[in-house]
Protein backbone atom coordinates (compact mmCIF):
# COMPACT_ATOMS: atom_id res chain seq x y z
CA MET A 1 3.68 3.28 -17.54
CA MET A 2 4.31 6.71 -16.05
CA ASP A 3 2.59 9.59 -14.31
CA ASP A 4 1.58 12.44 -16.61
CA SER A 5 3.43 14.81 -14.26
CA CYS A 6 6.87 13.42 -15.26
CA VAL A 7 8.47 16.14 -17.39
CA LEU A 8 12.28 15.97 -17.22
CA TRP A 9 14.89 13.21 -17.29
CA ASN A 10 18.45 13.28 -15.97
CA ALA A 11 21.52 11.09 -16.40
CA HIS A 12 23.90 10.90 -13.44
CA GLN A 13 27.59 10.17 -13.70
CA PRO A 14 28.94 7.83 -10.98
CA GLN A 15 31.27 9.58 -8.53
CA ASP A 16 34.55 8.10 -7.38
CA GLN A 17 34.74 7.04 -3.75
CA GLY A 18 35.75 9.97 -1.58
CA SER A 19 35.52 12.55 -4.37
CA ASP A 20 33.51 15.72 -3.84
CA VAL A 21 31.27 17.33 -6.41
CA ALA A 22 32.71 20.72 -7.31
CA GLU A 23 30.51 23.62 -6.28
CA GLY A 24 28.52 25.00 -9.19
CA VAL A 25 29.17 21.95 -11.35
CA PRO A 26 25.93 20.06 -12.10
CA SER A 27 25.92 16.42 -11.02
CA HIS A 28 23.58 15.46 -13.85
CA THR A 29 22.75 16.23 -17.45
CA ASN A 30 19.32 16.44 -19.06
CA VAL A 31 18.48 13.60 -21.42
CA SER A 32 15.45 12.54 -23.40
CA LEU A 33 12.95 9.90 -22.37
CA LYS A 34 13.88 8.04 -25.56
CA SER A 35 17.51 7.71 -24.45
CA VAL A 36 16.42 6.40 -21.04
CA LEU A 37 14.22 3.75 -22.65
CA GLN A 38 16.91 2.77 -25.14
CA HIS A 39 19.43 2.37 -22.32
CA MET A 40 17.02 0.10 -20.42
CA GLU A 41 16.15 -1.95 -23.49
CA SER A 42 19.82 -2.54 -24.30
CA THR A 43 20.57 -3.86 -20.81
CA PRO A 44 21.60 -7.55 -20.98
CA LYS A 45 18.90 -10.02 -19.94
CA ILE A 46 16.39 -7.22 -19.38
CA THR A 47 13.53 -9.66 -20.06
CA LEU A 48 14.33 -11.47 -16.80
CA TYR A 49 13.10 -8.45 -14.84
CA ALA A 50 9.43 -7.89 -14.02
CA LEU A 51 9.66 -4.16 -13.27
CA CYS A 52 12.28 -1.54 -14.07
CA GLY A 53 12.32 2.09 -13.02
CA VAL A 54 14.41 5.12 -12.08
CA ARG A 55 14.85 7.40 -9.09
CA LYS A 56 12.90 10.58 -8.40
CA TRP A 57 15.13 13.67 -8.45
CA SER A 58 15.67 15.76 -5.32
CA SER A 59 18.16 18.43 -4.30
CA GLN A 60 19.85 15.90 -2.00
CA LEU A 61 20.35 13.29 -4.70
CA ALA A 62 23.99 14.18 -5.41
CA LYS A 63 24.89 13.89 -1.71
CA HIS A 64 23.33 10.45 -1.48
CA GLN A 65 24.57 9.06 -4.78
CA SER A 66 24.34 5.28 -4.71
CA ALA A 67 27.61 3.42 -5.27
CA SER A 68 25.67 0.71 -7.08
CA PRO A 69 24.29 1.33 -10.58
CA PHE A 70 21.21 -0.75 -9.72
CA SER A 71 18.98 -1.28 -6.69
CA ARG A 72 16.25 -3.76 -5.88
CA CYS A 73 13.57 -1.63 -4.25
CA HIS A 74 10.14 -0.06 -4.62
CA LEU A 75 9.46 1.62 -7.96
CA HIS A 76 7.20 4.63 -8.42
CA HIS A 77 6.05 7.20 -11.01
CA PHE A 78 7.73 5.48 -13.99
CA LEU A 79 7.71 1.76 -14.77
CA MET A 80 8.84 -0.47 -17.58
CA LEU A 81 6.49 -3.39 -17.04
CA ASN A 82 7.17 -6.93 -18.24
CA VAL A 83 3.61 -8.02 -19.00
CA ASP A 84 4.61 -11.66 -19.56
CA LEU A 85 6.16 -12.08 -16.10
CA THR A 86 3.54 -10.03 -14.25
CA GLN A 87 0.40 -11.41 -15.89
CA ASN A 88 -0.56 -13.28 -12.70
CA ILE A 89 -0.06 -10.26 -10.43
CA GLN A 90 -3.44 -8.74 -9.63
CA TYR A 91 -3.71 -4.96 -9.94
CA ASP A 92 -6.54 -3.88 -7.66
CA LEU A 93 -8.77 -1.55 -9.67
CA ASN A 94 -10.72 -0.61 -6.53
CA ARG A 95 -7.73 1.04 -4.88
CA TYR A 96 -7.36 4.81 -4.59
CA SER A 97 -3.93 5.08 -2.94
CA CYS A 98 -0.77 2.99 -2.51
CA GLU A 99 -1.81 0.64 -5.31
CA GLU A 100 1.74 0.75 -6.69
CA VAL A 101 3.15 -0.29 -3.30
CA ASP A 102 0.71 -3.19 -3.19
CA PHE A 103 1.70 -4.22 -6.73
CA ASN A 104 5.43 -4.02 -5.91
CA LEU A 105 4.97 -6.19 -2.83
CA GLN A 106 2.96 -8.78 -4.74
CA ALA A 107 5.60 -8.95 -7.46
CA HIS A 108 8.45 -9.25 -4.96
CA SER A 109 6.71 -11.95 -2.92
CA SER A 110 6.15 -13.90 -6.15
CA GLY A 111 9.92 -14.08 -6.61
CA LEU A 112 9.99 -11.58 -9.48
CA LEU A 113 12.89 -9.17 -9.92
CA LEU A 114 12.50 -5.41 -9.49
CA CYS A 115 15.32 -3.17 -10.72
CA ARG A 116 15.92 0.56 -10.27
CA PHE A 117 18.44 2.24 -12.59
CA ASN A 118 20.33 4.59 -10.27
CA SER A 119 22.06 6.37 -13.16
CA PHE A 120 18.80 8.10 -14.12
CA SER A 121 16.30 10.28 -12.32
CA LEU A 122 13.06 11.99 -13.25
CA MET A 123 11.57 15.35 -12.34
CA LYS A 124 7.88 15.96 -11.81
CA LYS A 125 5.82 19.11 -12.04
CA CYS A 126 3.09 20.01 -9.59
CA ILE A 127 -0.38 19.51 -11.06
CA LEU A 128 -3.04 21.05 -8.85
CA SER A 129 -5.84 18.78 -10.06
CA GLY A 130 -5.85 15.24 -11.39
CA GLY A 131 -3.44 12.42 -10.67
CA ASN A 132 -4.49 10.71 -7.47
CA ARG A 133 -8.26 10.46 -7.67
CA ASP A 134 -9.96 12.25 -4.81
CA TYR A 135 -13.54 12.95 -3.80
CA ASN A 136 -15.31 15.80 -2.13
CA VAL A 137 -17.12 13.65 0.42
CA THR A 138 -20.65 14.96 0.95
CA PRO A 139 -23.81 13.58 2.58
CA LYS A 140 -25.86 11.26 0.38
CA ILE A 141 -28.95 13.30 1.19
CA MET A 142 -28.39 17.03 1.60
CA VAL A 143 -30.53 18.40 4.43
CA SER A 144 -29.20 21.94 4.09
CA GLU A 145 -27.47 23.98 1.43
CA SER A 146 -24.62 25.01 3.72
CA PRO A 147 -21.47 22.86 3.32
CA THR A 148 -20.95 20.22 5.99
CA SER A 149 -17.47 19.41 7.28
CA ILE A 150 -17.02 15.63 7.43
CA SER A 151 -13.97 14.13 9.14
CA PRO A 152 -12.47 10.75 8.13
CA SER A 153 -13.67 9.28 11.44
CA GLN A 154 -17.22 9.70 10.09
CA TYR A 155 -16.46 7.61 7.01
CA VAL A 156 -17.51 4.45 8.86
CA CYS A 157 -20.44 3.68 11.13
CA ALA A 158 -22.16 0.85 12.97
CA PRO A 159 -24.40 -1.32 10.76
CA ASP A 160 -28.12 -0.48 10.84
CA SER A 161 -27.43 2.81 12.61
CA GLU A 162 -28.94 6.19 11.75
CA HIS A 163 -25.51 7.56 10.88
CA MET A 164 -25.21 10.11 8.07
CA LEU A 165 -24.66 8.26 4.78
CA LEU A 166 -22.08 9.61 2.35
CA ALA A 167 -21.82 9.97 -1.42
CA ALA A 168 -18.41 8.38 -2.10
CA PRO A 169 -17.16 4.93 -3.16
CA PRO A 170 -16.86 2.45 -0.24
CA HIS A 171 -13.22 1.56 -0.98
CA PHE A 172 -12.29 5.24 -0.96
CA LEU A 173 -14.00 5.79 2.41
CA LEU A 174 -12.30 2.73 3.91
CA GLU A 175 -8.81 3.74 2.74
CA ARG A 176 -9.14 7.28 4.06
CA PHE A 177 -10.53 6.03 7.37
CA LEU A 178 -7.65 3.58 7.88
CA GLU A 179 -5.09 6.22 6.92
CA HIS A 180 -6.39 8.67 9.54
CA SER A 181 -7.54 6.23 12.24
CA GLY A 182 -4.88 3.51 12.13
CA GLN A 183 -3.42 4.67 15.44
CA ARG A 184 -6.76 4.13 17.19
CA LEU A 185 -7.31 0.76 15.53
CA PHE A 186 -3.80 -0.57 16.29
CA PRO A 187 -2.69 1.26 19.46
CA LYS A 188 0.04 -1.26 20.33
CA ALA A 189 1.73 -0.65 16.96
CA VAL A 190 2.17 3.12 17.29
CA ARG A 191 5.89 3.97 17.04
CA ASN A 192 6.62 0.31 17.82
CA HIS A 193 9.04 -0.97 15.15
CA THR A 194 9.71 -4.26 16.95
CA HIS A 195 6.03 -5.28 16.88
CA PRO A 196 4.60 -4.39 13.44
CA VAL A 197 1.11 -4.96 12.09
CA LEU A 198 0.88 -8.12 9.97
CA SER A 199 -0.93 -7.58 6.65
CA ILE A 200 -1.79 -10.66 4.60
CA ASP A 201 -1.77 -10.46 0.78
CA SER A 202 -2.44 -6.72 0.56
CA TYR A 203 -0.98 -3.41 1.64
CA LEU A 204 -3.14 -0.63 3.05
CA ASN A 205 -1.89 2.68 4.39
CA ILE A 206 -2.76 2.74 8.11
CA GLY A 207 -0.86 5.91 8.96
CA PRO A 208 2.71 7.23 9.18
CA GLU A 209 3.51 6.03 12.70
CA LEU A 210 2.72 2.34 12.21
CA VAL A 211 5.00 -0.28 10.69
CA VAL A 212 3.37 -2.85 8.40
CA CYS A 213 4.82 -6.28 7.62
CA TYR A 214 3.48 -7.69 4.34
CA VAL A 215 3.31 -11.48 3.97
CA SER A 216 1.87 -13.45 1.06
CA SER A 217 -0.24 -16.54 1.67
CA ARG A 218 0.54 -17.95 -1.79
CA PRO A 219 2.46 -21.25 -1.95
CA HIS A 220 6.17 -20.87 -2.74
CA SER A 221 6.02 -17.11 -2.10
CA VAL A 222 9.08 -15.17 -0.94
CA SER A 223 8.60 -13.57 2.48
CA MET A 224 10.75 -12.02 5.16
CA ASP A 225 11.95 -14.18 8.02
CA TYR A 226 9.23 -13.49 10.59
CA ARG A 227 10.37 -16.15 13.05
CA GLY A 228 10.83 -14.50 16.42
CA VAL A 229 8.65 -11.52 15.46
CA VAL A 230 5.66 -10.88 17.72
CA PHE A 231 3.06 -8.79 15.90
CA SER A 232 0.89 -6.07 17.42
CA GLY A 233 -1.95 -6.48 14.95
CA LEU A 234 -3.39 -8.49 12.06
CA LEU A 235 -5.05 -6.96 8.99
CA LEU A 236 -7.07 -9.24 6.71
CA TYR A 237 -8.39 -7.40 3.65
CA LEU A 238 -10.81 -9.36 1.43
CA SER A 239 -9.03 -12.64 2.23
CA ASP A 240 -9.38 -15.46 -0.28
CA SER A 241 -9.12 -19.26 -0.03
CA PHE A 242 -5.31 -19.22 0.26
CA VAL A 243 -5.63 -17.82 3.80
CA VAL A 244 -6.37 -20.80 6.05
CA PRO A 245 -6.16 -21.45 9.83
CA ASN A 246 -2.89 -23.42 9.53
CA PHE A 247 -1.27 -20.49 7.74
CA LEU A 248 -2.31 -18.00 10.43
CA SER A 249 -1.10 -20.31 13.20
CA LYS A 250 2.51 -19.65 12.10
CA PHE A 251 2.39 -16.12 13.50
CA ARG A 252 2.65 -14.87 17.08
CA PHE A 253 0.80 -11.88 18.50
CA LEU A 254 1.00 -9.72 21.58
CA LYS A 255 -1.72 -10.13 24.17
CA GLY A 256 -4.27 -7.47 23.36
CA ALA A 257 -3.11 -7.16 19.75
CA THR A 258 -5.76 -5.88 17.32
CA LEU A 259 -7.39 -7.88 14.54
CA CYS A 260 -9.18 -6.13 11.67
CA VAL A 261 -11.09 -8.29 9.17
CA ILE A 262 -12.51 -6.54 6.09
CA SER A 263 -15.06 -8.16 3.76
CA GLN A 264 -17.32 -7.25 0.86
CA ASP A 265 -20.54 -7.76 2.82
CA ARG A 266 -21.83 -8.68 6.25
CA SER A 267 -22.44 -12.33 5.40
CA SER A 268 -18.94 -12.97 4.02
CA LEU A 269 -17.46 -11.18 7.04
CA ARG A 270 -19.05 -13.69 9.41
CA GLN A 271 -18.15 -16.60 7.13
CA THR A 272 -14.50 -15.48 7.18
CA ILE A 273 -14.47 -15.38 10.99
CA VAL A 274 -15.82 -18.95 11.13
CA ARG A 275 -13.70 -20.34 8.26
CA LEU A 276 -10.44 -19.05 9.74
CA GLU A 277 -11.41 -20.17 13.27
CA LEU A 278 -10.54 -16.71 14.56
CA GLU A 279 -12.77 -16.96 17.64
CA ASP A 280 -10.32 -19.50 19.12
CA GLU A 281 -7.66 -16.82 19.71
CA TRP A 282 -9.44 -13.50 19.23
CA GLN A 283 -12.21 -11.89 21.26
CA PHE A 284 -14.99 -10.06 19.41
CA ARG A 285 -17.77 -7.73 20.51
CA LEU A 286 -20.89 -6.80 18.54
CA ARG A 287 -20.15 -3.10 18.98
CA ASP A 288 -16.84 -3.56 17.13
CA GLU A 289 -18.52 -4.31 13.80
CA PHE A 290 -18.51 -1.43 11.30
CA GLN A 291 -19.35 -0.58 7.72
CA THR A 292 -18.38 2.23 5.39
CA ALA A 293 -20.97 5.00 5.57
CA ASN A 294 -22.71 4.00 2.34
CA CYS A 295 -26.29 3.12 1.59
CA SER A 296 -27.04 -0.50 0.69
CA GLU A 297 -27.24 0.35 -3.04
CA ASP A 298 -23.59 1.48 -2.94
CA GLN A 299 -22.50 -1.90 -1.48
CA PRO A 300 -20.66 -0.81 1.68
CA LEU A 301 -17.62 -2.68 2.95
CA TYR A 302 -17.84 -4.30 6.39
CA PHE A 303 -15.12 -4.87 8.96
CA LEU A 304 -14.84 -6.32 12.43
CA THR A 305 -12.16 -5.66 15.02
CA GLY A 306 -11.08 -7.95 17.84
CA ARG A 307 -8.45 -8.37 20.54
CA HIS A 308 -5.97 -11.22 20.92
CA ILE A 309 -6.67 -13.30 24.01
């Protein structure tokens, strides 16, 4: 699997410790995609790995040449996917951004191996249209022919309000809203690396200045050691039956930390609050319930925010 903007492949020769790359001498040579794939396929025990990939080229790559031929890290743009090992990893078809990050985290937390081949890199070309799917968000009902500027803060509204409804998928509106308004939703997490936002079973982009800690609720999953960590927020996105009150009780939160619960509809949102016994430790207000700015036919997503008592 690879982006259609990947156009050039490079092979990098490992540098000796302490040696400098001579000026004017290229640190890489162009190779074919076929040779990259053949090299990967000939790697011993390659079938034990769930995902394999390469680095993305940059002008600084030679200066930061890894001493190790392999790395276990996030993989982007180009993937050799082991469909047997990853068949139980759910790829969210409703996502519009960061779906590869979410997939990587799910695979890693399932104990699967991710491998990046540091001896290869890829180059991408700039494609002005296509790639990441985007929408020109417009009002559902046009009241005037002049274009209306709509900010991401207008992508959500209070339920049953007379807010302007929009012509865009609900998941797209939610993702863009969280990306641009994460600092307002999770104020205690802004530039606070010691108190990250806890995200259960899914990764959503909530902005560049907030740190997210991903934890899986699945039995026997591999997670970071969060003992001693006090979180500044909790993000529950379409939680399933694996998320239970006893699981959430393992985590500690700052006083005044923010909770954000996202559900498919208003009824399931309230059922989630009751099922997880969230009202025991979190304070909710009716005015903190929101929906994506969609009409009922477009099935808006609903979310509720609260504060830790």
